[in-house]
């Protein structure tokens, strides 16, 4: 194996924290990878990894060498993506990350048509509300909300506005009553999102004034989908997007609290790495979703004002 491939293999071992995980990703055996790393060390005349029965760790020289190897690996990936960008239609794997609730409620119903339009694309979805490292996790595009953005190098394209309202179950309101003003929420159990702390600073708009309140409560979850089901179960008051709660409001499973107020500070975004050559796969999905979701999203079109 030549030096460049050994360097890429070394970076994979470090990124995967060991030979076994790297072997699974590369389709090789752990012994084959270990042997190549030993050849690399012999070539350089220096030990790069400290090995034990359970783990590997970088030597000081290995840590410095890894930085260069990781750069080589990234350059190879960029070169491959450049070639893929030259093809005349989307094809191959497209890795998409999305928040759980939005994927289940809105994205999945749209995917059959997207697949029919792009039959050579293989979709791979990661549903999570946690922070996603686009480059480190090799995610092509993430569907996120404004308060989840923390990568200044990423490109964010608005897909649709996102209106949030305040809701609770009829059972909760019968037992505890309803707040008359936003300030009254200090006396109520407010449901929180543990993965995005900014979500728990509730913003109130009524067309004439804005205000913000840091809410408190005895329940939090790592997904808006779980917060939604907690509200349905009568645990407390939640701030949730209309795309998620409109049906429950229409059939009476939830009631709107403080109906004169809403929160429209967050948009629904497609986020992808700041790359000079946007892949046809990413472009196809983002354009498709922008057309389907905006400028007035379908769940808002159903509302009779």
C-alpha atoms as a PDB file:
ATOM      1  CA  UNK A   1       0.000   0.000   0.000  1.00  0.00           C
ATOM      2  CA  UNK A   2       1.345   3.447  -0.908  1.00  0.00           C
ATOM      3  CA  UNK A   3       2.020   6.196   1.621  1.00  0.00           C
ATOM      4  CA  UNK A   4      -1.107   8.246   0.820  1.00  0.00           C
ATOM      5  CA  UNK A   5      -3.416   5.287   1.406  1.00  0.00           C
ATOM      6  CA  UNK A   6      -1.610   4.388   4.613  1.00  0.00           C
ATOM      7  CA  UNK A   7      -2.051   7.982   5.811  1.00  0.00           C
ATOM      8  CA  UNK A   8      -5.792   7.838   5.073  1.00  0.00           C
ATOM      9  CA  UNK A   9      -6.018   4.496   6.862  1.00  0.00           C
ATOM     10  CA  UNK A  10      -4.197   5.948   9.880  1.00  0.00           C
ATOM     11  CA  UNK A  11      -6.654   8.868  10.013  1.00  0.00           C
ATOM     12  CA  UNK A  12      -9.568   6.393   9.899  1.00  0.00           C
ATOM     13  CA  UNK A  13      -8.124   4.438  12.842  1.00  0.00           C
ATOM     14  CA  UNK A  14      -7.807   7.626  14.897  1.00  0.00           C
ATOM     15  CA  UNK A  15     -11.268   8.911  13.921  1.00  0.00           C
ATOM     16  CA  UNK A  16     -12.845   5.560  14.837  1.00  0.00           C
ATOM     17  CA  UNK A  17     -10.821   5.150  18.057  1.00  0.00           C
ATOM     18  CA  UNK A  18      -9.444   1.764  17.098  1.00  0.00           C
ATOM     19  CA  UNK A  19      -8.774  -0.883  14.489  1.00  0.00           C
ATOM     20  CA  UNK A  20     -12.067  -2.780  14.741  1.00  0.00           C
ATOM     21  CA  UNK A  21     -14.354   0.190  14.078  1.00  0.00           C
ATOM     22  CA  UNK A  22     -12.080   1.399  11.278  1.00  0.00           C
ATOM     23  CA  UNK A  23     -12.091  -2.093   9.787  1.00  0.00           C
ATOM     24  CA  UNK A  24     -15.892  -2.168   9.722  1.00  0.00           C
ATOM     25  CA  UNK A  25     -16.035   1.192   7.975  1.00  0.00           C
ATOM     26  CA  UNK A  26     -13.340   0.280   5.433  1.00  0.00           C
ATOM     27  CA  UNK A  27     -14.510  -3.284   4.776  1.00  0.00           C
ATOM     28  CA  UNK A  28     -11.184  -4.758   5.935  1.00  0.00           C
ATOM     29  CA  UNK A  29     -10.082  -6.961   8.806  1.00  0.00           C
ATOM     30  CA  UNK A  30      -8.604  -5.427  11.976  1.00  0.00           C
ATOM     31  CA  UNK A  31      -5.416  -7.445  11.458  1.00  0.00           C
ATOM     32  CA  UNK A  32      -5.004  -6.068   7.923  1.00  0.00           C
ATOM     33  CA  UNK A  33      -5.355  -2.502   9.168  1.00  0.00           C
ATOM     34  CA  UNK A  34      -2.996  -3.100  12.095  1.00  0.00           C
ATOM     35  CA  UNK A  35      -0.444  -4.546   9.686  1.00  0.00           C
ATOM     36  CA  UNK A  36      -0.636  -1.489   7.414  1.00  0.00           C
ATOM     37  CA  UNK A  37      -0.209   0.895  10.352  1.00  0.00           C
ATOM     38  CA  UNK A  38       2.854  -1.109  11.423  1.00  0.00           C
ATOM     39  CA  UNK A  39       4.247  -0.796   7.877  1.00  0.00           C
ATOM     40  CA  UNK A  40       3.613   2.965   8.055  1.00  0.00           C
ATOM     41  CA  UNK A  41       5.461   3.218  11.350  1.00  0.00           C
ATOM     42  CA  UNK A  42       8.351   1.197   9.899  1.00  0.00           C
ATOM     43  CA  UNK A  43       8.406   3.474   6.851  1.00  0.00           C
ATOM     44  CA  UNK A  44       8.596   6.574   9.060  1.00  0.00           C
ATOM     45  CA  UNK A  45      10.835   5.007  11.671  1.00  0.00           C
ATOM     46  CA  UNK A  46       8.643   6.205  14.563  1.00  0.00           C
ATOM     47  CA  UNK A  47       5.789   4.841  16.652  1.00  0.00           C
ATOM     48  CA  UNK A  48       2.487   6.616  15.954  1.00  0.00           C
ATOM     49  CA  UNK A  49       0.120   4.653  18.182  1.00  0.00           C
ATOM     50  CA  UNK A  50       0.304   3.189  21.646  1.00  0.00           C
ATOM     51  CA  UNK A  51      -1.532  -0.144  21.570  1.00  0.00           C
ATOM     52  CA  UNK A  52      -3.184  -2.104  24.380  1.00  0.00           C
ATOM     53  CA  UNK A  53      -5.624  -5.007  24.366  1.00  0.00           C
ATOM     54  CA  UNK A  54      -8.598  -2.632  24.597  1.00  0.00           C
ATOM     55  CA  UNK A  55      -7.648   0.637  22.952  1.00  0.00           C
ATOM     56  CA  UNK A  56      -5.163   2.651  20.976  1.00  0.00           C
ATOM     57  CA  UNK A  57      -3.895   6.139  21.733  1.00  0.00           C
ATOM     58  CA  UNK A  58      -1.755   8.616  19.850  1.00  0.00           C
ATOM     59  CA  UNK A  59       1.873   9.270  20.634  1.00  0.00           C
ATOM     60  CA  UNK A  60       2.988  12.908  20.564  1.00  0.00           C
ATOM     61  CA  UNK A  61       4.419  12.454  17.075  1.00  0.00           C
ATOM     62  CA  UNK A  62       1.309  10.529  16.033  1.00  0.00           C
ATOM     63  CA  UNK A  63      -0.921  13.395  17.153  1.00  0.00           C
ATOM     64  CA  UNK A  64       0.973  15.846  14.943  1.00  0.00           C
ATOM     65  CA  UNK A  65       1.087  13.405  12.030  1.00  0.00           C
ATOM     66  CA  UNK A  66      -2.664  12.769  12.318  1.00  0.00           C
ATOM     67  CA  UNK A  67      -3.429  16.409  11.491  1.00  0.00           C
ATOM     68  CA  UNK A  68      -1.707  16.010   8.115  1.00  0.00           C
ATOM     69  CA  UNK A  69      -3.297  12.613   7.499  1.00  0.00           C
ATOM     70  CA  UNK A  70      -6.779  13.953   8.226  1.00  0.00           C
ATOM     71  CA  UNK A  71      -6.136  16.757   5.736  1.00  0.00           C
ATOM     72  CA  UNK A  72      -5.135  14.236   3.074  1.00  0.00           C
ATOM     73  CA  UNK A  73      -8.295  12.215   3.780  1.00  0.00           C
ATOM     74  CA  UNK A  74     -10.475  15.333   3.461  1.00  0.00           C
ATOM     75  CA  UNK A  75      -8.791  16.286   0.190  1.00  0.00           C
ATOM     76  CA  UNK A  76      -9.525  12.845  -1.233  1.00  0.00           C
ATOM     77  CA  UNK A  77     -13.196  13.133  -0.207  1.00  0.00           C
ATOM     78  CA  UNK A  78     -13.389  16.621  -1.736  1.00  0.00           C
ATOM     79  CA  UNK A  79     -11.882  15.304  -4.972  1.00  0.00           C
ATOM     80  CA  UNK A  80     -14.448  12.498  -5.092  1.00  0.00           C
ATOM     81  CA  UNK A  81     -17.279  14.956  -4.473  1.00  0.00           C
ATOM     82  CA  UNK A  82     -15.961  17.214  -7.235  1.00  0.00           C
ATOM     83  CA  UNK A  83     -16.173  14.320  -9.665  1.00  0.00           C
ATOM     84  CA  UNK A  84     -19.678  13.414  -8.485  1.00  0.00           C
ATOM     85  CA  UNK A  85     -20.700  17.046  -9.018  1.00  0.00           C
ATOM     86  CA  UNK A  86     -19.877  16.619 -12.700  1.00  0.00           C
ATOM     87  CA  UNK A  87     -22.486  13.929 -13.246  1.00  0.00           C
ATOM     88  CA  UNK A  88     -25.669  15.008 -14.949  1.00  0.00           C
ATOM     89  CA  UNK A  89     -28.147  13.799 -12.312  1.00  0.00           C
ATOM     90  CA  UNK A  90     -28.331  13.000  -8.569  1.00  0.00           C
ATOM     91  CA  UNK A  91     -27.088   9.532  -7.698  1.00  0.00           C
ATOM     92  CA  UNK A  92     -25.583   7.572  -4.817  1.00  0.00           C
ATOM     93  CA  UNK A  93     -26.064   7.915  -1.073  1.00  0.00           C
ATOM     94  CA  UNK A  94     -27.538  11.092   0.406  1.00  0.00           C
ATOM     95  CA  UNK A  95     -27.167  11.327   4.183  1.00  0.00           C
ATOM     96  CA  UNK A  96     -29.788  13.560   5.822  1.00  0.00           C
ATOM     97  CA  UNK A  97     -30.100  14.559   9.472  1.00  0.00           C
ATOM     98  CA  UNK A  98     -33.387  15.932  10.763  1.00  0.00           C
ATOM     99  CA  UNK A  99     -35.074  16.681  14.037  1.00  0.00           C
ATOM    100  CA  UNK A 100     -37.264  13.757  15.048  1.00  0.00           C
ATOM    101  CA  UNK A 101     -40.667  15.445  15.120  1.00  0.00           C
ATOM    102  CA  UNK A 102     -40.270  17.314  11.831  1.00  0.00           C
ATOM    103  CA  UNK A 103     -39.023  14.241   9.981  1.00  0.00           C
ATOM    104  CA  UNK A 104     -41.903  12.086  11.188  1.00  0.00           C
ATOM    105  CA  UNK A 105     -44.622  14.682  10.677  1.00  0.00           C
ATOM    106  CA  UNK A 106     -43.503  16.451   7.489  1.00  0.00           C
ATOM    107  CA  UNK A 107     -40.457  14.989   5.731  1.00  0.00           C
ATOM    108  CA  UNK A 108     -41.392  11.317   5.480  1.00  0.00           C
ATOM    109  CA  UNK A 109     -44.660  12.009   3.605  1.00  0.00           C
ATOM    110  CA  UNK A 110     -42.636  13.946   1.009  1.00  0.00           C
ATOM    111  CA  UNK A 111     -39.951  11.325   0.442  1.00  0.00           C
ATOM    112  CA  UNK A 112     -41.871   8.945  -1.893  1.00  0.00           C
ATOM    113  CA  UNK A 113     -42.190  11.688  -4.510  1.00  0.00           C
ATOM    114  CA  UNK A 114     -38.557  12.761  -4.080  1.00  0.00           C
ATOM    115  CA  UNK A 115     -37.405   9.157  -4.551  1.00  0.00           C
ATOM    116  CA  UNK A 116     -39.612   8.801  -7.628  1.00  0.00           C
ATOM    117  CA  UNK A 117     -38.045  11.950  -9.080  1.00  0.00           C
ATOM    118  CA  UNK A 118     -34.514  10.808  -8.172  1.00  0.00           C
ATOM    119  CA  UNK A 119     -34.498   7.004  -8.481  1.00  0.00           C
ATOM    120  CA  UNK A 120     -30.695   6.728  -8.390  1.00  0.00           C
ATOM    121  CA  UNK A 121     -30.425   8.403  -4.962  1.00  0.00           C
ATOM    122  CA  UNK A 122     -30.215   6.243  -1.855  1.00  0.00           C
ATOM    123  CA  UNK A 123     -31.517   8.134   1.184  1.00  0.00           C
ATOM    124  CA  UNK A 124     -30.045   7.599   4.645  1.00  0.00           C
ATOM    125  CA  UNK A 125     -31.783   9.479   7.485  1.00  0.00           C
ATOM    126  CA  UNK A 126     -30.444  10.267  10.957  1.00  0.00           C
ATOM    127  CA  UNK A 127     -33.280  11.430  13.224  1.00  0.00           C
ATOM    128  CA  UNK A 128     -31.950  13.393  16.178  1.00  0.00           C
ATOM    129  CA  UNK A 129     -32.501  16.707  17.955  1.00  0.00           C
ATOM    130  CA  UNK A 130     -28.896  16.919  19.166  1.00  0.00           C
ATOM    131  CA  UNK A 131     -26.164  19.032  17.571  1.00  0.00           C
ATOM    132  CA  UNK A 132     -24.912  17.474  14.345  1.00  0.00           C
ATOM    133  CA  UNK A 133     -21.313  17.829  13.139  1.00  0.00           C
ATOM    134  CA  UNK A 134     -21.847  17.910   9.371  1.00  0.00           C
ATOM    135  CA  UNK A 135     -18.216  17.249   8.467  1.00  0.00           C
ATOM    136  CA  UNK A 136     -17.288  14.914  11.313  1.00  0.00           C
ATOM    137  CA  UNK A 137     -20.409  12.767  10.885  1.00  0.00           C
ATOM    138  CA  UNK A 138     -20.351  12.993   7.086  1.00  0.00           C
ATOM    139  CA  UNK A 139     -23.879  14.427   6.939  1.00  0.00           C
ATOM    140  CA  UNK A 140     -24.734  15.905   3.546  1.00  0.00           C
ATOM    141  CA  UNK A 141     -27.626  18.106   4.672  1.00  0.00           C
ATOM    142  CA  UNK A 142     -29.338  18.720   8.013  1.00  0.00           C
ATOM    143  CA  UNK A 143     -32.879  20.001   8.496  1.00  0.00           C
ATOM    144  CA  UNK A 144     -32.694  22.281  11.496  1.00  0.00           C
ATOM    145  CA  UNK A 145     -34.274  25.272  13.234  1.00  0.00           C
ATOM    146  CA  UNK A 146     -32.691  28.694  13.679  1.00  0.00           C
ATOM    147  CA  UNK A 147     -31.805  28.212  17.366  1.00  0.00           C
ATOM    148  CA  UNK A 148     -29.892  25.021  16.506  1.00  0.00           C
ATOM    149  CA  UNK A 149     -27.339  26.779  14.302  1.00  0.00           C
ATOM    150  CA  UNK A 150     -23.861  26.971  15.816  1.00  0.00           C
ATOM    151  CA  UNK A 151     -21.556  26.310  12.859  1.00  0.00           C
ATOM    152  CA  UNK A 152     -20.595  29.644  11.335  1.00  0.00           C
ATOM    153  CA  UNK A 153     -18.975  27.938   8.341  1.00  0.00           C
ATOM    154  CA  UNK A 154     -22.163  26.147   7.263  1.00  0.00           C
ATOM    155  CA  UNK A 155     -24.636  27.359   4.664  1.00  0.00           C
ATOM    156  CA  UNK A 156     -28.258  27.686   5.822  1.00  0.00           C
ATOM    157  CA  UNK A 157     -31.117  28.013   3.350  1.00  0.00           C
ATOM    158  CA  UNK A 158     -34.582  28.869   4.634  1.00  0.00           C
ATOM    159  CA  UNK A 159     -37.163  26.266   3.694  1.00  0.00           C
ATOM    160  CA  UNK A 160     -40.194  27.641   5.539  1.00  0.00           C
ATOM    161  CA  UNK A 161     -41.230  29.925   8.398  1.00  0.00           C
ATOM    162  CA  UNK A 162     -41.924  28.200  11.693  1.00  0.00           C
ATOM    163  CA  UNK A 163     -44.703  29.451  13.941  1.00  0.00           C
ATOM    164  CA  UNK A 164     -44.903  28.095  17.479  1.00  0.00           C
ATOM    165  CA  UNK A 165     -47.885  28.309  19.803  1.00  0.00           C
ATOM    166  CA  UNK A 166     -48.506  27.433  23.447  1.00  0.00           C
ATOM    167  CA  UNK A 167     -50.608  24.363  24.160  1.00  0.00           C
ATOM    168  CA  UNK A 168     -51.826  22.037  26.892  1.00  0.00           C
ATOM    169  CA  UNK A 169     -54.234  19.130  27.159  1.00  0.00           C
ATOM    170  CA  UNK A 170     -57.855  19.727  28.241  1.00  0.00           C
ATOM    171  CA  UNK A 171     -57.233  17.526  31.287  1.00  0.00           C
ATOM    172  CA  UNK A 172     -54.292  19.678  32.431  1.00  0.00           C
ATOM    173  CA  UNK A 173     -56.278  22.884  31.982  1.00  0.00           C
ATOM    174  CA  UNK A 174     -59.260  21.487  33.879  1.00  0.00           C
ATOM    175  CA  UNK A 175     -57.031  20.631  36.822  1.00  0.00           C
ATOM    176  CA  UNK A 176     -54.732  23.652  36.916  1.00  0.00           C
ATOM    177  CA  UNK A 177     -56.512  26.355  34.938  1.00  0.00           C
ATOM    178  CA  UNK A 178     -54.922  28.474  32.215  1.00  0.00           C
ATOM    179  CA  UNK A 179     -52.519  31.438  32.386  1.00  0.00           C
ATOM    180  CA  UNK A 180     -54.036  34.784  31.452  1.00  0.00           C
ATOM    181  CA  UNK A 181     -50.718  36.488  30.608  1.00  0.00           C
ATOM    182  CA  UNK A 182     -47.234  35.168  29.767  1.00  0.00           C
ATOM    183  CA  UNK A 183     -46.007  36.225  33.218  1.00  0.00           C
ATOM    184  CA  UNK A 184     -48.516  33.835  34.789  1.00  0.00           C
ATOM    185  CA  UNK A 185     -46.495  30.886  33.444  1.00  0.00           C
ATOM    186  CA  UNK A 186     -44.297  30.998  36.563  1.00  0.00           C
ATOM    187  CA  UNK A 187     -47.212  29.261  38.304  1.00  0.00           C
ATOM    188  CA  UNK A 188     -47.506  26.461  35.733  1.00  0.00           C
ATOM    189  CA  UNK A 189     -45.484  23.402  34.759  1.00  0.00           C
ATOM    190  CA  UNK A 190     -43.763  24.228  31.471  1.00  0.00           C
ATOM    191  CA  UNK A 191     -42.222  21.462  29.381  1.00  0.00           C
ATOM    192  CA  UNK A 192     -38.597  21.917  28.317  1.00  0.00           C
ATOM    193  CA  UNK A 193     -36.280  20.683  25.568  1.00  0.00           C
ATOM    194  CA  UNK A 194     -32.971  19.449  27.003  1.00  0.00           C
ATOM    195  CA  UNK A 195     -30.977  19.423  23.753  1.00  0.00           C
ATOM    196  CA  UNK A 196     -31.517  23.087  22.801  1.00  0.00           C
ATOM    197  CA  UNK A 197     -31.406  25.393  25.811  1.00  0.00           C
ATOM    198  CA  UNK A 198     -32.374  28.442  23.758  1.00  0.00           C
ATOM    199  CA  UNK A 199     -35.713  26.716  23.123  1.00  0.00           C
ATOM    200  CA  UNK A 200     -36.574  27.159  26.804  1.00  0.00           C
ATOM    201  CA  UNK A 201     -36.450  30.948  26.593  1.00  0.00           C
ATOM    202  CA  UNK A 202     -40.033  31.415  25.456  1.00  0.00           C
ATOM    203  CA  UNK A 203     -40.689  34.353  23.158  1.00  0.00           C
ATOM    204  CA  UNK A 204     -44.133  35.956  22.993  1.00  0.00           C
ATOM    205  CA  UNK A 205     -45.444  38.056  20.118  1.00  0.00           C
ATOM    206  CA  UNK A 206     -48.931  39.475  19.691  1.00  0.00           C
ATOM    207  CA  UNK A 207     -48.491  41.814  16.759  1.00  0.00           C
ATOM    208  CA  UNK A 208     -47.812  44.883  18.874  1.00  0.00           C
ATOM    209  CA  UNK A 209     -45.170  43.851  21.431  1.00  0.00           C
ATOM    210  CA  UNK A 210     -42.589  41.160  22.166  1.00  0.00           C
ATOM    211  CA  UNK A 211     -41.401  39.662  25.433  1.00  0.00           C
ATOM    212  CA  UNK A 212     -39.314  36.717  26.644  1.00  0.00           C
ATOM    213  CA  UNK A 213     -39.630  34.504  29.704  1.00  0.00           C
ATOM    214  CA  UNK A 214     -37.295  31.753  30.948  1.00  0.00           C
ATOM    215  CA  UNK A 215     -39.710  28.966  31.775  1.00  0.00           C
ATOM    216  CA  UNK A 216     -39.354  26.278  34.456  1.00  0.00           C
ATOM    217  CA  UNK A 217     -40.882  22.869  35.022  1.00  0.00           C
ATOM    218  CA  UNK A 218     -40.346  19.322  36.225  1.00  0.00           C
ATOM    219  CA  UNK A 219     -40.142  17.681  32.792  1.00  0.00           C
ATOM    220  CA  UNK A 220     -37.685  17.885  29.915  1.00  0.00           C
ATOM    221  CA  UNK A 221     -36.911  15.657  26.942  1.00  0.00           C
ATOM    222  CA  UNK A 222     -34.314  15.482  24.199  1.00  0.00           C
ATOM    223  CA  UNK A 223     -36.864  15.714  21.386  1.00  0.00           C
ATOM    224  CA  UNK A 224     -39.768  18.013  20.550  1.00  0.00           C
ATOM    225  CA  UNK A 225     -41.639  14.849  19.618  1.00  0.00           C
ATOM    226  CA  UNK A 226     -41.409  13.687  23.243  1.00  0.00           C
ATOM    227  CA  UNK A 227     -42.456  17.140  24.501  1.00  0.00           C
ATOM    228  CA  UNK A 228     -45.474  16.946  22.192  1.00  0.00           C
ATOM    229  CA  UNK A 229     -46.543  13.590  23.611  1.00  0.00           C
ATOM    230  CA  UNK A 230     -45.928  14.833  27.149  1.00  0.00           C
ATOM    231  CA  UNK A 231     -48.317  17.720  26.467  1.00  0.00           C
ATOM    232  CA  UNK A 232     -50.898  15.284  25.092  1.00  0.00           C
ATOM    233  CA  UNK A 233     -50.531  13.246  28.284  1.00  0.00           C
ATOM    234  CA  UNK A 234     -51.370  16.242  30.467  1.00  0.00           C
ATOM    235  CA  UNK A 235     -47.970  16.829  32.072  1.00  0.00           C
ATOM    236  CA  UNK A 236     -47.857  20.566  31.413  1.00  0.00           C
ATOM    237  CA  UNK A 237     -47.827  23.483  28.987  1.00  0.00           C
ATOM    238  CA  UNK A 238     -45.623  23.269  25.891  1.00  0.00           C
ATOM    239  CA  UNK A 239     -44.370  25.606  23.185  1.00  0.00           C
ATOM    240  CA  UNK A 240     -44.612  23.667  19.929  1.00  0.00           C
ATOM    241  CA  UNK A 241     -44.625  24.292  16.203  1.00  0.00           C
ATOM    242  CA  UNK A 242     -47.937  24.466  14.371  1.00  0.00           C
ATOM    243  CA  UNK A 243     -46.765  21.767  11.948  1.00  0.00           C
ATOM    244  CA  UNK A 244     -46.812  19.395  14.932  1.00  0.00           C
ATOM    245  CA  UNK A 245     -49.896  20.476  16.903  1.00  0.00           C
ATOM    246  CA  UNK A 246     -52.432  21.678  14.320  1.00  0.00           C
ATOM    247  CA  UNK A 247     -54.181  18.308  14.042  1.00  0.00           C
ATOM    248  CA  UNK A 248     -54.334  17.885  17.821  1.00  0.00           C
ATOM    249  CA  UNK A 249     -55.766  21.391  18.192  1.00  0.00           C
ATOM    250  CA  UNK A 250     -58.350  20.698  15.504  1.00  0.00           C
ATOM    251  CA  UNK A 251     -59.625  17.493  17.118  1.00  0.00           C
ATOM    252  CA  UNK A 252     -59.485  18.779  20.695  1.00  0.00           C
ATOM    253  CA  UNK A 253     -56.631  16.670  22.049  1.00  0.00           C
ATOM    254  CA  UNK A 254     -54.793  19.936  22.770  1.00  0.00           C
ATOM    255  CA  UNK A 255     -55.996  23.450  23.461  1.00  0.00           C
ATOM    256  CA  UNK A 256     -54.160  26.643  22.731  1.00  0.00           C
ATOM    257  CA  UNK A 257     -52.975  28.547  25.803  1.00  0.00           C
ATOM    258  CA  UNK A 258     -52.499  32.328  25.587  1.00  0.00           C
ATOM    259  CA  UNK A 259     -54.131  32.264  22.116  1.00  0.00           C
ATOM    260  CA  UNK A 260     -53.291  35.904  21.432  1.00  0.00           C
ATOM    261  CA  UNK A 261     -49.555  35.107  21.514  1.00  0.00           C
ATOM    262  CA  UNK A 262     -47.168  33.134  19.311  1.00  0.00           C
ATOM    263  CA  UNK A 263     -43.445  32.722  18.669  1.00  0.00           C
ATOM    264  CA  UNK A 264     -42.179  33.233  15.109  1.00  0.00           C
ATOM    265  CA  UNK A 265     -38.476  33.756  15.867  1.00  0.00           C
ATOM    266  CA  UNK A 266     -37.306  30.465  14.330  1.00  0.00           C
ATOM    267  CA  UNK A 267     -37.245  29.311  10.702  1.00  0.00           C
ATOM    268  CA  UNK A 268     -36.940  25.825   9.260  1.00  0.00           C
ATOM    269  CA  UNK A 269     -33.589  25.537   7.501  1.00  0.00           C
ATOM    270  CA  UNK A 270     -31.575  23.237   5.281  1.00  0.00           C
ATOM    271  CA  UNK A 271     -27.985  23.330   6.525  1.00  0.00           C
ATOM    272  CA  UNK A 272     -25.002  21.994   4.607  1.00  0.00           C
ATOM    273  CA  UNK A 273     -21.239  22.431   4.582  1.00  0.00           C
ATOM    274  CA  UNK A 274     -19.767  25.506   2.966  1.00  0.00           C
ATOM    275  CA  UNK A 275     -18.390  23.751  -0.091  1.00  0.00           C
ATOM    276  CA  UNK A 276     -17.457  25.299  -3.400  1.00  0.00           C
ATOM    277  CA  UNK A 277     -19.056  22.427  -5.311  1.00  0.00           C
ATOM    278  CA  UNK A 278     -22.512  21.622  -3.988  1.00  0.00           C
ATOM    279  CA  UNK A 279     -23.340  18.032  -4.864  1.00  0.00           C
ATOM    280  CA  UNK A 280     -26.288  17.344  -7.184  1.00  0.00           C
ATOM    281  CA  UNK A 281     -27.833  15.213  -4.434  1.00  0.00           C
ATOM    282  CA  UNK A 282     -27.906  18.043  -1.898  1.00  0.00           C
ATOM    283  CA  UNK A 283     -29.082  20.551  -4.476  1.00  0.00           C
ATOM    284  CA  UNK A 284     -31.915  18.251  -5.574  1.00  0.00           C
ATOM    285  CA  UNK A 285     -33.188  17.663  -2.028  1.00  0.00           C
ATOM    286  CA  UNK A 286     -32.913  21.280  -0.888  1.00  0.00           C
ATOM    287  CA  UNK A 287     -34.628  22.627  -4.015  1.00  0.00           C
ATOM    288  CA  UNK A 288     -37.376  20.016  -3.677  1.00  0.00           C
ATOM    289  CA  UNK A 289     -38.045  20.807  -0.008  1.00  0.00           C
ATOM    290  CA  UNK A 290     -37.977  24.565  -0.603  1.00  0.00           C
ATOM    291  CA  UNK A 291     -40.609  24.123  -3.306  1.00  0.00           C
ATOM    292  CA  UNK A 292     -42.811  21.859  -1.160  1.00  0.00           C
ATOM    293  CA  UNK A 293     -42.559  23.763   2.128  1.00  0.00           C
ATOM    294  CA  UNK A 294     -42.346  27.439   1.265  1.00  0.00           C
ATOM    295  CA  UNK A 295     -43.019  30.255   1.267  1.00  0.00           C
ATOM    296  CA  UNK A 296     -46.282  29.357   3.045  1.00  0.00           C
ATOM    297  CA  UNK A 297     -45.869  25.872   4.508  1.00  0.00           C
ATOM    298  CA  UNK A 298     -48.628  23.333   3.811  1.00  0.00           C
ATOM    299  CA  UNK A 299     -49.645  23.001   7.464  1.00  0.00           C
ATOM    300  CA  UNK A 300     -50.389  26.735   7.576  1.00  0.00           C
ATOM    301  CA  UNK A 301     -52.345  26.651   4.310  1.00  0.00           C
ATOM    302  CA  UNK A 302     -54.873  24.378   5.998  1.00  0.00           C
ATOM    303  CA  UNK A 303     -55.703  26.957   8.661  1.00  0.00           C
ATOM    304  CA  UNK A 304     -58.794  29.063   8.023  1.00  0.00           C
ATOM    305  CA  UNK A 305     -58.103  32.486   9.494  1.00  0.00           C
END
